[in-house]
């Protein structure tokens, strides 16, 4: 039995690379069971890039947590 795979991405102001990241996740041979994207308060179009993918049924969960980011 295969273990569940979760991907969690902390992002902030990543509009330049977000589209490539989202596409790459869906092209994986073993797709994750869940993808959680935590936006730490982007001031660019990062969130605007993610939302249409969710609206089209991509398995992403978007959380908005101002100040959250990789330390």
C-alpha atoms as a PDB file:
ATOM      1  CA  UNK A   1       0.000   0.000   0.000  1.00  0.00           C
ATOM      2  CA  UNK A   2       1.434   3.360  -1.038  1.00  0.00           C
ATOM      3  CA  UNK A   3       1.729   6.110   1.529  1.00  0.00           C
ATOM      4  CA  UNK A   4      -0.109   9.373   0.971  1.00  0.00           C
ATOM      5  CA  UNK A   5       2.010  12.185  -0.396  1.00  0.00           C
ATOM      6  CA  UNK A   6       1.433  15.802   0.629  1.00  0.00           C
ATOM      7  CA  UNK A   7       3.245  18.785  -0.821  1.00  0.00           C
ATOM      8  CA  UNK A   8       3.292  22.019   1.117  1.00  0.00           C
ATOM      9  CA  UNK A   9       4.675  25.154  -0.506  1.00  0.00           C
ATOM     10  CA  UNK A  10       5.246  28.418   1.317  1.00  0.00           C
ATOM     11  CA  UNK A  11       5.277  31.222  -1.234  1.00  0.00           C
ATOM     12  CA  UNK A  12       5.492  34.978  -1.287  1.00  0.00           C
ATOM     13  CA  UNK A  13       5.799  37.163  -4.376  1.00  0.00           C
ATOM     14  CA  UNK A  14       6.530  34.252  -6.709  1.00  0.00           C
ATOM     15  CA  UNK A  15       4.498  35.357  -9.734  1.00  0.00           C
ATOM     16  CA  UNK A  16       7.495  34.796 -12.014  1.00  0.00           C
ATOM     17  CA  UNK A  17       7.751  31.084 -11.220  1.00  0.00           C
ATOM     18  CA  UNK A  18       4.271  30.103  -9.993  1.00  0.00           C
ATOM     19  CA  UNK A  19       2.876  28.974 -13.343  1.00  0.00           C
ATOM     20  CA  UNK A  20       5.851  26.642 -13.909  1.00  0.00           C
ATOM     21  CA  UNK A  21       5.559  25.216 -10.401  1.00  0.00           C
ATOM     22  CA  UNK A  22       1.842  24.489 -10.707  1.00  0.00           C
ATOM     23  CA  UNK A  23       2.316  22.840 -14.092  1.00  0.00           C
ATOM     24  CA  UNK A  24       5.252  20.735 -12.869  1.00  0.00           C
ATOM     25  CA  UNK A  25       3.247  19.362  -9.934  1.00  0.00           C
ATOM     26  CA  UNK A  26       0.535  18.052 -12.254  1.00  0.00           C
ATOM     27  CA  UNK A  27       3.111  16.477 -14.581  1.00  0.00           C
ATOM     28  CA  UNK A  28       4.672  14.279 -11.894  1.00  0.00           C
ATOM     29  CA  UNK A  29       4.552  10.533 -12.463  1.00  0.00           C
ATOM     30  CA  UNK A  30       3.315  10.096  -8.894  1.00  0.00           C
ATOM     31  CA  UNK A  31       1.032  13.022  -8.233  1.00  0.00           C
ATOM     32  CA  UNK A  32       0.627  14.142  -4.645  1.00  0.00           C
ATOM     33  CA  UNK A  33      -2.585  13.333  -2.833  1.00  0.00           C
ATOM     34  CA  UNK A  34      -2.804  16.934  -1.725  1.00  0.00           C
ATOM     35  CA  UNK A  35      -1.015  20.184  -2.474  1.00  0.00           C
ATOM     36  CA  UNK A  36      -1.195  22.947   0.086  1.00  0.00           C
ATOM     37  CA  UNK A  37       0.060  26.366  -0.954  1.00  0.00           C
ATOM     38  CA  UNK A  38       0.524  28.873   1.852  1.00  0.00           C
ATOM     39  CA  UNK A  39       0.837  32.444   0.660  1.00  0.00           C
ATOM     40  CA  UNK A  40       2.666  34.633   3.162  1.00  0.00           C
ATOM     41  CA  UNK A  41       1.209  37.946   2.002  1.00  0.00           C
ATOM     42  CA  UNK A  42       2.195  38.344  -1.624  1.00  0.00           C
ATOM     43  CA  UNK A  43       1.935  41.846  -3.030  1.00  0.00           C
ATOM     44  CA  UNK A  44       2.308  40.712  -6.634  1.00  0.00           C
ATOM     45  CA  UNK A  45       0.032  38.455  -8.727  1.00  0.00           C
ATOM     46  CA  UNK A  46       0.997  35.155  -7.087  1.00  0.00           C
ATOM     47  CA  UNK A  47      -2.481  34.461  -5.698  1.00  0.00           C
ATOM     48  CA  UNK A  48      -4.143  35.597  -8.932  1.00  0.00           C
ATOM     49  CA  UNK A  49      -2.109  32.961 -10.778  1.00  0.00           C
ATOM     50  CA  UNK A  50      -3.064  30.159  -8.365  1.00  0.00           C
ATOM     51  CA  UNK A  51      -6.838  30.755  -8.120  1.00  0.00           C
ATOM     52  CA  UNK A  52      -7.769  29.965 -11.751  1.00  0.00           C
ATOM     53  CA  UNK A  53      -6.028  26.600 -11.430  1.00  0.00           C
ATOM     54  CA  UNK A  54      -8.169  25.794  -8.394  1.00  0.00           C
ATOM     55  CA  UNK A  55     -11.291  26.990 -10.226  1.00  0.00           C
ATOM     56  CA  UNK A  56     -10.483  24.550 -13.056  1.00  0.00           C
ATOM     57  CA  UNK A  57     -10.285  21.658 -10.582  1.00  0.00           C
ATOM     58  CA  UNK A  58      -6.568  21.411  -9.828  1.00  0.00           C
ATOM     59  CA  UNK A  59      -6.005  19.689  -6.460  1.00  0.00           C
ATOM     60  CA  UNK A  60      -4.558  22.718  -4.707  1.00  0.00           C
ATOM     61  CA  UNK A  61      -5.563  24.140  -1.366  1.00  0.00           C
ATOM     62  CA  UNK A  62      -4.644  27.815  -1.025  1.00  0.00           C
ATOM     63  CA  UNK A  63      -4.171  29.253   2.440  1.00  0.00           C
ATOM     64  CA  UNK A  64      -3.468  32.890   3.130  1.00  0.00           C
ATOM     65  CA  UNK A  65      -1.300  33.471   6.201  1.00  0.00           C
ATOM     66  CA  UNK A  66       0.261  36.920   6.223  1.00  0.00           C
ATOM     67  CA  UNK A  67       3.835  36.714   7.476  1.00  0.00           C
ATOM     68  CA  UNK A  68       4.176  32.943   6.969  1.00  0.00           C
ATOM     69  CA  UNK A  69       7.245  32.020   4.964  1.00  0.00           C
ATOM     70  CA  UNK A  70      10.294  29.807   4.932  1.00  0.00           C
ATOM     71  CA  UNK A  71      12.810  30.856   7.544  1.00  0.00           C
END
